[in-house]
Amino acid sequence: MPKTAHSRIQGKLTTAINSVVEADRTALAFPELRRSFGGRSIVPDVTVLPWSDIPRDESGMMDGELFSAPAWMIEILSPDQSQSKVVKKKSFVRLITGRF
């Protein structure tokens, strides 16, 4: 489970990215957003979606599940966390989608 420092970095990073990309509707960063594809799900610390890839309902509100690889997938490593978990997640995305 993420601890306070990890969570704080995640929040600051999401806010920093959105301060650059949200106003002109280029993209949007989300913390802990589940993506399902290739029979598995991943939950990166921060996911960045191009504005056009954000699922919306009939009224234009953000809604729905995501079934493709993220445009950006950011993982924040804690000092005691192994890099191998992140490498496995990245390798899975590359294997299924050819991206990253």
PDB file of N, CA and C in Angstrom:
ATOM      1  N   MET A   1       0.832  -1.186   0.000  1.00  0.00           N
ATOM      2  CA  MET A   1       0.000   0.000   0.000  1.00  0.00           C
ATOM      3  C   MET A   1       0.872   1.243   0.000  1.00  0.00           C
ATOM      4  N   PRO A   2       0.479   2.237  -0.792  1.00  0.00           N
ATOM      5  CA  PRO A   2       1.243   3.479  -0.797  1.00  0.00           C
ATOM      6  C   PRO A   2       1.202   4.166   0.562  1.00  0.00           C
ATOM      7  N   LYS A   3       2.312   4.759   0.901  1.00  0.00           N
ATOM      8  CA  LYS A   3       2.407   5.514   2.147  1.00  0.00           C
ATOM      9  C   LYS A   3       2.252   6.989   1.838  1.00  0.00           C
ATOM     10  N   THR A   4       2.339   7.815   2.861  1.00  0.00           N
ATOM     11  CA  THR A   4       2.050   9.239   2.688  1.00  0.00           C
ATOM     12  C   THR A   4       2.941   9.924   1.656  1.00  0.00           C
ATOM     13  N   ALA A   5       4.246   9.668   1.672  1.00  0.00           N
ATOM     14  CA  ALA A   5       5.143  10.323   0.711  1.00  0.00           C
ATOM     15  C   ALA A   5       4.781   9.928  -0.721  1.00  0.00           C
ATOM     16  N   HIS A   6       4.519   8.649  -0.928  1.00  0.00           N
ATOM     17  CA  HIS A   6       4.128   8.145  -2.249  1.00  0.00           C
ATOM     18  C   HIS A   6       2.844   8.831  -2.711  1.00  0.00           C
ATOM     19  N   SER A   7       1.870   8.875  -1.831  1.00  0.00           N
ATOM     20  CA  SER A   7       0.580   9.475  -2.160  1.00  0.00           C
ATOM     21  C   SER A   7       0.722  10.967  -2.459  1.00  0.00           C
ATOM     22  N   ARG A   8       1.566  11.637  -1.706  1.00  0.00           N
ATOM     23  CA  ARG A   8       1.787  13.075  -1.910  1.00  0.00           C
ATOM     24  C   ARG A   8       2.436  13.330  -3.273  1.00  0.00           C
ATOM     25  N   ILE A   9       3.439  12.532  -3.621  1.00  0.00           N
ATOM     26  CA  ILE A   9       4.092  12.676  -4.930  1.00  0.00           C
ATOM     27  C   ILE A   9       3.077  12.422  -6.046  1.00  0.00           C
ATOM     28  N   GLN A  10       2.257  11.405  -5.883  1.00  0.00           N
ATOM     29  CA  GLN A  10       1.239  11.063  -6.875  1.00  0.00           C
ATOM     30  C   GLN A  10       0.281  12.237  -7.090  1.00  0.00           C
ATOM     31  N   GLY A  11      -0.187  12.832  -6.009  1.00  0.00           N
ATOM     32  CA  GLY A  11      -1.103  13.966  -6.106  1.00  0.00           C
ATOM     33  C   GLY A  11      -0.463  15.183  -6.750  1.00  0.00           C
ATOM     34  N   LYS A  12       0.765  15.490  -6.339  1.00  0.00           N
ATOM     35  CA  LYS A  12       1.473  16.639  -6.898  1.00  0.00           C
ATOM     36  C   LYS A  12       1.747  16.443  -8.393  1.00  0.00           C
ATOM     37  N   LEU A  13       2.161  15.229  -8.768  1.00  0.00           N
ATOM     38  CA  LEU A  13       2.455  14.937 -10.168  1.00  0.00           C
ATOM     39  C   LEU A  13       1.197  15.047 -11.025  1.00  0.00           C
ATOM     40  N   THR A  14       0.096  14.486 -10.554  1.00  0.00           N
ATOM     41  CA  THR A  14      -1.175  14.564 -11.288  1.00  0.00           C
ATOM     42  C   THR A  14      -1.587  16.025 -11.470  1.00  0.00           C
ATOM     43  N   THR A  15      -1.482  16.806 -10.416  1.00  0.00           N
ATOM     44  CA  THR A  15      -1.839  18.233 -10.483  1.00  0.00           C
ATOM     45  C   THR A  15      -0.927  18.984 -11.436  1.00  0.00           C
ATOM     46  N   ALA A  16       0.379  18.700 -11.376  1.00  0.00           N
ATOM     47  CA  ALA A  16       1.331  19.387 -12.256  1.00  0.00           C
ATOM     48  C   ALA A  16       1.050  19.084 -13.726  1.00  0.00           C
ATOM     49  N   ILE A  17       0.799  17.824 -14.031  1.00  0.00           N
ATOM     50  CA  ILE A  17       0.503  17.453 -15.422  1.00  0.00           C
ATOM     51  C   ILE A  17      -0.780  18.146 -15.883  1.00  0.00           C
ATOM     52  N   ASN A  18      -1.819  18.082 -15.058  1.00  0.00           N
ATOM     53  CA  ASN A  18      -3.097  18.689 -15.445  1.00  0.00           C
ATOM     54  C   ASN A  18      -3.001  20.200 -15.592  1.00  0.00           C
ATOM     55  N   SER A  19      -2.109  20.849 -14.848  1.00  0.00           N
ATOM     56  CA  SER A  19      -1.955  22.307 -14.972  1.00  0.00           C
ATOM     57  C   SER A  19      -1.422  22.696 -16.351  1.00  0.00           C
ATOM     58  N   VAL A  20      -0.780  21.761 -17.034  1.00  0.00           N
ATOM     59  CA  VAL A  20      -0.232  22.024 -18.365  1.00  0.00           C
ATOM     60  C   VAL A  20      -1.179  21.574 -19.471  1.00  0.00           C
ATOM     61  N   VAL A  21      -1.864  20.441 -19.299  1.00  0.00           N
ATOM     62  CA  VAL A  21      -2.599  19.826 -20.411  1.00  0.00           C
ATOM     63  C   VAL A  21      -4.118  19.970 -20.369  1.00  0.00           C
ATOM     64  N   GLU A  22      -4.676  20.348 -19.221  1.00  0.00           N
ATOM     65  CA  GLU A  22      -6.137  20.349 -19.115  1.00  0.00           C
ATOM     66  C   GLU A  22      -6.797  21.569 -19.759  1.00  0.00           C
ATOM     67  N   ALA A  23      -6.234  22.744 -19.593  1.00  0.00           N
ATOM     68  CA  ALA A  23      -6.885  23.971 -20.069  1.00  0.00           C
ATOM     69  C   ALA A  23      -7.160  23.954 -21.565  1.00  0.00           C
ATOM     70  N   ASP A  24      -6.219  23.433 -22.331  1.00  0.00           N
ATOM     71  CA  ASP A  24      -6.432  23.403 -23.792  1.00  0.00           C
ATOM     72  C   ASP A  24      -6.979  22.057 -24.264  1.00  0.00           C
ATOM     73  N   ARG A  25      -7.393  21.237 -23.307  1.00  0.00           N
ATOM     74  CA  ARG A  25      -8.003  19.934 -23.592  1.00  0.00           C
ATOM     75  C   ARG A  25      -7.105  19.032 -24.437  1.00  0.00           C
ATOM     76  N   THR A  26      -5.834  19.033 -24.097  1.00  0.00           N
ATOM     77  CA  THR A  26      -4.874  18.153 -24.758  1.00  0.00           C
ATOM     78  C   THR A  26      -4.953  16.760 -24.170  1.00  0.00           C
ATOM     79  N   ALA A  27      -4.995  16.695 -22.851  1.00  0.00           N
ATOM     80  CA  ALA A  27      -4.975  15.418 -22.142  1.00  0.00           C
ATOM     81  C   ALA A  27      -5.467  15.654 -20.713  1.00  0.00           C
ATOM     82  N   LEU A  28      -5.518  14.569 -19.948  1.00  0.00           N
ATOM     83  CA  LEU A  28      -5.903  14.655 -18.545  1.00  0.00           C
ATOM     84  C   LEU A  28      -5.222  13.525 -17.784  1.00  0.00           C
ATOM     85  N   ALA A  29      -4.667  13.859 -16.625  1.00  0.00           N
ATOM     86  CA  ALA A  29      -3.996  12.864 -15.779  1.00  0.00           C
ATOM     87  C   ALA A  29      -4.956  12.401 -14.690  1.00  0.00           C
ATOM     88  N   PHE A  30      -4.931  11.100 -14.416  1.00  0.00           N
ATOM     89  CA  PHE A  30      -5.790  10.487 -13.410  1.00  0.00           C
ATOM     90  C   PHE A  30      -4.940   9.636 -12.472  1.00  0.00           C
ATOM     91  N   PRO A  31      -5.169   9.713 -11.159  1.00  0.00           N
ATOM     92  CA  PRO A  31      -4.473   8.811 -10.240  1.00  0.00           C
ATOM     93  C   PRO A  31      -5.218   7.480 -10.139  1.00  0.00           C
ATOM     94  N   GLU A  32      -4.464   6.381 -10.100  1.00  0.00           N
ATOM     95  CA  GLU A  32      -5.040   5.050  -9.836  1.00  0.00           C
ATOM     96  C   GLU A  32      -6.195   4.686 -10.759  1.00  0.00           C
ATOM     97  N   LEU A  33      -6.061   4.926 -12.050  1.00  0.00           N
ATOM     98  CA  LEU A  33      -7.133   4.631 -13.009  1.00  0.00           C
ATOM     99  C   LEU A  33      -6.922   3.241 -13.606  1.00  0.00           C
ATOM    100  N   ARG A  34      -7.886   2.368 -13.418  1.00  0.00           N
ATOM    101  CA  ARG A  34      -7.795   0.986 -13.910  1.00  0.00           C
ATOM    102  C   ARG A  34      -7.966   0.939 -15.421  1.00  0.00           C
ATOM    103  N   ARG A  35      -7.071   0.182 -16.071  1.00  0.00           N
ATOM    104  CA  ARG A  35      -7.161  -0.095 -17.502  1.00  0.00           C
ATOM    105  C   ARG A  35      -7.211  -1.598 -17.670  1.00  0.00           C
ATOM    106  N   SER A  36      -8.149  -2.101 -18.461  1.00  0.00           N
ATOM    107  CA  SER A  36      -8.280  -3.537 -18.690  1.00  0.00           C
ATOM    108  C   SER A  36      -8.083  -3.835 -20.167  1.00  0.00           C
ATOM    109  N   PHE A  37      -7.164  -4.741 -20.455  1.00  0.00           N
ATOM    110  CA  PHE A  37      -6.919  -5.175 -21.825  1.00  0.00           C
ATOM    111  C   PHE A  37      -6.072  -6.423 -21.774  1.00  0.00           C
ATOM    112  N   GLY A  38      -6.164  -7.227 -22.820  1.00  0.00           N
ATOM    113  CA  GLY A  38      -5.379  -8.452 -22.879  1.00  0.00           C
ATOM    114  C   GLY A  38      -5.724  -9.432 -21.771  1.00  0.00           C
ATOM    115  N   GLY A  39      -6.955  -9.381 -21.256  1.00  0.00           N
ATOM    116  CA  GLY A  39      -7.368 -10.304 -20.206  1.00  0.00           C
ATOM    117  C   GLY A  39      -6.850  -9.955 -18.821  1.00  0.00           C
ATOM    118  N   ARG A  40      -6.235  -8.784 -18.662  1.00  0.00           N
ATOM    119  CA  ARG A  40      -5.718  -8.358 -17.365  1.00  0.00           C
ATOM    120  C   ARG A  40      -6.053  -6.890 -17.145  1.00  0.00           C
ATOM    121  N   SER A  41      -5.886  -6.456 -15.914  1.00  0.00           N
ATOM    122  CA  SER A  41      -6.055  -5.043 -15.586  1.00  0.00           C
ATOM    123  C   SER A  41      -4.776  -4.521 -14.954  1.00  0.00           C
ATOM    124  N   ILE A  42      -4.489  -3.262 -15.209  1.00  0.00           N
ATOM    125  CA  ILE A  42      -3.379  -2.594 -14.552  1.00  0.00           C
ATOM    126  C   ILE A  42      -3.906  -1.313 -13.918  1.00  0.00           C
ATOM    127  N   VAL A  43      -3.262  -0.881 -12.854  1.00  0.00           N
ATOM    128  CA  VAL A  43      -3.640   0.352 -12.176  1.00  0.00           C
ATOM    129  C   VAL A  43      -2.358   1.146 -11.912  1.00  0.00           C
ATOM    130  N   PRO A  44      -1.904   1.928 -12.891  1.00  0.00           N
ATOM    131  CA  PRO A  44      -0.710   2.741 -12.688  1.00  0.00           C
ATOM    132  C   PRO A  44      -0.960   3.820 -11.636  1.00  0.00           C
ATOM    133  N   ASP A  45       0.108   4.317 -11.043  1.00  0.00           N
ATOM    134  CA  ASP A  45      -0.033   5.411 -10.078  1.00  0.00           C
ATOM    135  C   ASP A  45      -0.674   6.625 -10.737  1.00  0.00           C
ATOM    136  N   VAL A  46      -0.234   6.959 -11.939  1.00  0.00           N
ATOM    137  CA  VAL A  46      -0.813   8.062 -12.712  1.00  0.00           C
ATOM    138  C   VAL A  46      -0.968   7.594 -14.154  1.00  0.00           C
ATOM    139  N   THR A  47      -2.136   7.827 -14.726  1.00  0.00           N
ATOM    140  CA  THR A  47      -2.405   7.536 -16.134  1.00  0.00           C
ATOM    141  C   THR A  47      -2.736   8.854 -16.812  1.00  0.00           C
ATOM    142  N   VAL A  48      -2.159   9.082 -17.977  1.00  0.00           N
ATOM    143  CA  VAL A  48      -2.466  10.284 -18.748  1.00  0.00           C
ATOM    144  C   VAL A  48      -3.149   9.852 -20.038  1.00  0.00           C
ATOM    145  N   LEU A  49      -4.337  10.391 -20.253  1.00  0.00           N
ATOM    146  CA  LEU A  49      -5.113  10.080 -21.454  1.00  0.00           C
ATOM    147  C   LEU A  49      -5.209  11.291 -22.358  1.00  0.00           C
ATOM    148  N   PRO A  50      -5.034  11.103 -23.663  1.00  0.00           N
ATOM    149  CA  PRO A  50      -5.364  12.193 -24.579  1.00  0.00           C
ATOM    150  C   PRO A  50      -6.840  12.548 -24.391  1.00  0.00           C
ATOM    151  N   TRP A  51      -7.174  13.803 -24.528  1.00  0.00           N
ATOM    152  CA  TRP A  51      -8.540  14.268 -24.289  1.00  0.00           C
ATOM    153  C   TRP A  51      -9.550  13.447 -25.089  1.00  0.00           C
ATOM    154  N   SER A  52      -9.218  13.117 -26.319  1.00  0.00           N
ATOM    155  CA  SER A  52     -10.147  12.384 -27.193  1.00  0.00           C
ATOM    156  C   SER A  52     -10.358  10.938 -26.743  1.00  0.00           C
ATOM    157  N   ASP A  53      -9.481  10.397 -25.896  1.00  0.00           N
ATOM    158  CA  ASP A  53      -9.609   9.013 -25.426  1.00  0.00           C
ATOM    159  C   ASP A  53     -10.404   8.882 -24.127  1.00  0.00           C
ATOM    160  N   ILE A  54     -10.827   9.992 -23.548  1.00  0.00           N
ATOM    161  CA  ILE A  54     -11.562   9.949 -22.284  1.00  0.00           C
ATOM    162  C   ILE A  54     -13.004   9.539 -22.584  1.00  0.00           C
ATOM    163  N   PRO A  55     -13.449   8.388 -22.038  1.00  0.00           N
ATOM    164  CA  PRO A  55     -14.826   7.951 -22.329  1.00  0.00           C
ATOM    165  C   PRO A  55     -15.852   8.899 -21.701  1.00  0.00           C
ATOM    166  N   ARG A  56     -16.911   9.144 -22.444  1.00  0.00           N
ATOM    167  CA  ARG A  56     -17.970  10.059 -21.986  1.00  0.00           C
ATOM    168  C   ARG A  56     -19.341   9.451 -22.274  1.00  0.00           C
ATOM    169  N   ASP A  57     -20.307   9.859 -21.461  1.00  0.00           N
ATOM    170  CA  ASP A  57     -21.686   9.408 -21.687  1.00  0.00           C
ATOM    171  C   ASP A  57     -22.359  10.347 -22.694  1.00  0.00           C
ATOM    172  N   GLU A  58     -23.662  10.139 -22.926  1.00  0.00           N
ATOM    173  CA  GLU A  58     -24.400  10.917 -23.920  1.00  0.00           C
ATOM    174  C   GLU A  58     -24.397  12.411 -23.624  1.00  0.00           C
ATOM    175  N   SER A  59     -24.329  12.775 -22.344  1.00  0.00           N
ATOM    176  CA  SER A  59     -24.363  14.192 -21.973  1.00  0.00           C
ATOM    177  C   SER A  59     -22.968  14.824 -21.946  1.00  0.00           C
ATOM    178  N   GLY A  60     -21.939  14.036 -22.251  1.00  0.00           N
ATOM    179  CA  GLY A  60     -20.583  14.570 -22.288  1.00  0.00           C
ATOM    180  C   GLY A  60     -19.811  14.430 -20.990  1.00  0.00           C
ATOM    181  N   MET A  61     -20.446  13.846 -19.971  1.00  0.00           N
ATOM    182  CA  MET A  61     -19.765  13.638 -18.681  1.00  0.00           C
ATOM    183  C   MET A  61     -18.812  12.451 -18.795  1.00  0.00           C
ATOM    184  N   MET A  62     -17.669  12.557 -18.116  1.00  0.00           N
ATOM    185  CA  MET A  62     -16.722  11.437 -18.107  1.00  0.00           C
ATOM    186  C   MET A  62     -17.387  10.229 -17.482  1.00  0.00           C
ATOM    187  N   ASP A  63     -17.274   9.094 -18.181  1.00  0.00           N
ATOM    188  CA  ASP A  63     -17.945   7.891 -17.714  1.00  0.00           C
ATOM    189  C   ASP A  63     -17.386   6.703 -18.476  1.00  0.00           C
ATOM    190  N   GLY A  64     -17.486   5.548 -17.887  1.00  0.00           N
ATOM    191  CA  GLY A  64     -17.140   4.342 -18.625  1.00  0.00           C
ATOM    192  C   GLY A  64     -15.823   3.728 -18.212  1.00  0.00           C
ATOM    193  N   GLU A  65     -15.622   2.520 -18.693  1.00  0.00           N
ATOM    194  CA  GLU A  65     -14.406   1.780 -18.421  1.00  0.00           C
ATOM    195  C   GLU A  65     -13.432   1.964 -19.571  1.00  0.00           C
ATOM    196  N   LEU A  66     -12.177   1.665 -19.293  1.00  0.00           N
ATOM    197  CA  LEU A  66     -11.125   1.823 -20.286  1.00  0.00           C
ATOM    198  C   LEU A  66     -10.560   0.461 -20.639  1.00  0.00           C
ATOM    199  N   PHE A  67     -10.486   0.177 -21.936  1.00  0.00           N
ATOM    200  CA  PHE A  67     -10.053  -1.139 -22.398  1.00  0.00           C
ATOM    201  C   PHE A  67      -8.895  -1.071 -23.384  1.00  0.00           C
ATOM    202  N   SER A  68      -7.990  -0.134 -23.171  1.00  0.00           N
ATOM    203  CA  SER A  68      -6.811  -0.030 -24.041  1.00  0.00           C
ATOM    204  C   SER A  68      -5.623   0.427 -23.203  1.00  0.00           C
ATOM    205  N   ALA A  69      -4.447   0.321 -23.781  1.00  0.00           N
ATOM    206  CA  ALA A  69      -3.244   0.752 -23.070  1.00  0.00           C
ATOM    207  C   ALA A  69      -3.265   2.268 -22.897  1.00  0.00           C
ATOM    208  N   PRO A  70      -2.751   2.750 -21.786  1.00  0.00           N
ATOM    209  CA  PRO A  70      -2.723   4.202 -21.575  1.00  0.00           C
ATOM    210  C   PRO A  70      -1.683   4.876 -22.469  1.00  0.00           C
ATOM    211  N   ALA A  71      -1.901   6.154 -22.758  1.00  0.00           N
ATOM    212  CA  ALA A  71      -0.918   6.933 -23.509  1.00  0.00           C
ATOM    213  C   ALA A  71       0.346   7.084 -22.669  1.00  0.00           C
ATOM    214  N   TRP A  72       0.178   7.428 -21.416  1.00  0.00           N
ATOM    215  CA  TRP A  72       1.277   7.488 -20.452  1.00  0.00           C
ATOM    216  C   TRP A  72       0.896   6.659 -19.254  1.00  0.00           C
ATOM    217  N   MET A  73       1.869   5.959 -18.730  1.00  0.00           N
ATOM    218  CA  MET A  73       1.671   5.152 -17.535  1.00  0.00           C
ATOM    219  C   MET A  73       2.838   5.479 -16.608  1.00  0.00           C
ATOM    220  N   ILE A  74       2.557   6.084 -15.465  1.00  0.00           N
ATOM    221  CA  ILE A  74       3.611   6.523 -14.554  1.00  0.00           C
ATOM    222  C   ILE A  74       3.523   5.734 -13.252  1.00  0.00           C
ATOM    223  N   GLU A  75       4.630   5.147 -12.859  1.00  0.00           N
ATOM    224  CA  GLU A  75       4.735   4.432 -11.592  1.00  0.00           C
ATOM    225  C   GLU A  75       5.733   5.158 -10.705  1.00  0.00           C
ATOM    226  N   ILE A  76       5.401   5.333  -9.459  1.00  0.00           N
ATOM    227  CA  ILE A  76       6.267   5.981  -8.487  1.00  0.00           C
ATOM    228  C   ILE A  76       6.835   4.895  -7.585  1.00  0.00           C
ATOM    229  N   LEU A  77       8.137   4.731  -7.625  1.00  0.00           N
ATOM    230  CA  LEU A  77       8.774   3.699  -6.813  1.00  0.00           C
ATOM    231  C   LEU A  77       9.076   4.230  -5.420  1.00  0.00           C
ATOM    232  N   SER A  78       8.705   3.470  -4.415  1.00  0.00           N
ATOM    233  CA  SER A  78       9.089   3.768  -3.045  1.00  0.00           C
ATOM    234  C   SER A  78      10.520   3.280  -2.852  1.00  0.00           C
ATOM    235  N   PRO A  79      11.256   3.835  -1.880  1.00  0.00           N
ATOM    236  CA  PRO A  79      12.651   3.420  -1.678  1.00  0.00           C
ATOM    237  C   PRO A  79      12.830   1.910  -1.479  1.00  0.00           C
ATOM    238  N   ASP A  80      11.849   1.260  -0.860  1.00  0.00           N
ATOM    239  CA  ASP A  80      11.974  -0.172  -0.594  1.00  0.00           C
ATOM    240  C   ASP A  80      11.272  -1.050  -1.634  1.00  0.00           C
ATOM    241  N   GLN A  81      10.763  -0.445  -2.692  1.00  0.00           N
ATOM    242  CA  GLN A  81      10.013  -1.185  -3.713  1.00  0.00           C
ATOM    243  C   GLN A  81      10.940  -1.692  -4.809  1.00  0.00           C
ATOM    244  N   SER A  82      10.685  -2.898  -5.258  1.00  0.00           N
ATOM    245  CA  SER A  82      11.478  -3.505  -6.324  1.00  0.00           C
ATOM    246  C   SER A  82      11.074  -2.948  -7.689  1.00  0.00           C
ATOM    247  N   GLN A  83      12.061  -2.700  -8.530  1.00  0.00           N
ATOM    248  CA  GLN A  83      11.784  -2.234  -9.885  1.00  0.00           C
ATOM    249  C   GLN A  83      11.181  -3.335 -10.748  1.00  0.00           C
ATOM    250  N   SER A  84      11.360  -4.590 -10.354  1.00  0.00           N
ATOM    251  CA  SER A  84      10.896  -5.701 -11.187  1.00  0.00           C
ATOM    252  C   SER A  84       9.380  -5.691 -11.380  1.00  0.00           C
ATOM    253  N   LYS A  85       8.617  -5.266 -10.385  1.00  0.00           N
ATOM    254  CA  LYS A  85       7.164  -5.204 -10.520  1.00  0.00           C
ATOM    255  C   LYS A  85       6.767  -4.215 -11.617  1.00  0.00           C
ATOM    256  N   VAL A  86       7.429  -3.070 -11.636  1.00  0.00           N
ATOM    257  CA  VAL A  86       7.139  -2.053 -12.647  1.00  0.00           C
ATOM    258  C   VAL A  86       7.567  -2.544 -14.025  1.00  0.00           C
ATOM    259  N   VAL A  87       8.705  -3.188 -14.102  1.00  0.00           N
ATOM    260  CA  VAL A  87       9.192  -3.716 -15.379  1.00  0.00           C
ATOM    261  C   VAL A  87       8.226  -4.772 -15.914  1.00  0.00           C
ATOM    262  N   LYS A  88       7.699  -5.627 -15.042  1.00  0.00           N
ATOM    263  CA  LYS A  88       6.731  -6.635 -15.482  1.00  0.00           C
ATOM    264  C   LYS A  88       5.468  -5.983 -16.020  1.00  0.00           C
ATOM    265  N   LYS A  89       4.984  -4.937 -15.345  1.00  0.00           N
ATOM    266  CA  LYS A  89       3.779  -4.245 -15.792  1.00  0.00           C
ATOM    267  C   LYS A  89       4.031  -3.597 -17.155  1.00  0.00           C
ATOM    268  N   LYS A  90       5.178  -2.948 -17.318  1.00  0.00           N
ATOM    269  CA  LYS A  90       5.522  -2.309 -18.585  1.00  0.00           C
ATOM    270  C   LYS A  90       5.667  -3.361 -19.686  1.00  0.00           C
ATOM    271  N   SER A  91       6.295  -4.481 -19.368  1.00  0.00           N
ATOM    272  CA  SER A  91       6.473  -5.551 -20.359  1.00  0.00           C
ATOM    273  C   SER A  91       5.134  -6.111 -20.800  1.00  0.00           C
ATOM    274  N   PHE A  92       4.177  -6.250 -19.883  1.00  0.00           N
ATOM    275  CA  PHE A  92       2.844  -6.737 -20.218  1.00  0.00           C
ATOM    276  C   PHE A  92       2.170  -5.786 -21.208  1.00  0.00           C
ATOM    277  N   VAL A  93       2.246  -4.494 -20.933  1.00  0.00           N
ATOM    278  CA  VAL A  93       1.618  -3.502 -21.825  1.00  0.00           C
ATOM    279  C   VAL A  93       2.271  -3.578 -23.199  1.00  0.00           C
ATOM    280  N   ARG A  94       3.584  -3.680 -23.256  1.00  0.00           N
ATOM    281  CA  ARG A  94       4.279  -3.755 -24.541  1.00  0.00           C
ATOM    282  C   ARG A  94       3.902  -5.021 -25.293  1.00  0.00           C
ATOM    283  N   LEU A  95       3.833  -6.141 -24.605  1.00  0.00           N
ATOM    284  CA  LEU A  95       3.484  -7.407 -25.219  1.00  0.00           C
ATOM    285  C   LEU A  95       2.087  -7.367 -25.835  1.00  0.00           C
ATOM    286  N   ILE A  96       1.125  -6.838 -25.110  1.00  0.00           N
ATOM    287  CA  ILE A  96      -0.267  -6.828 -25.563  1.00  0.00           C
ATOM    288  C   ILE A  96      -0.506  -5.764 -26.632  1.00  0.00           C
ATOM    289  N   THR A  97       0.112  -4.600 -26.491  1.00  0.00           N
ATOM    290  CA  THR A  97      -0.242  -3.483 -27.367  1.00  0.00           C
ATOM    291  C   THR A  97       0.852  -3.058 -28.337  1.00  0.00           C
ATOM    292  N   GLY A  98       2.082  -3.451 -28.093  1.00  0.00           N
ATOM    293  CA  GLY A  98       3.183  -2.978 -28.919  1.00  0.00           C
ATOM    294  C   GLY A  98       3.633  -1.583 -28.556  1.00  0.00           C
ATOM    295  N   ARG A  99       3.042  -0.983 -27.503  1.00  0.00           N
ATOM    296  CA  ARG A  99       3.411   0.351 -27.058  1.00  0.00           C
ATOM    297  C   ARG A  99       4.360   0.275 -25.884  1.00  0.00           C
ATOM    298  N   PHE A 100       5.086   1.341 -25.651  1.00  0.00           N
ATOM    299  CA  PHE A 100       6.055   1.522 -24.568  1.00  0.00           C
ATOM    300  C   PHE A 100       7.296   0.800 -24.948  1.00  0.00           C
TER     301      PHE A 100
END
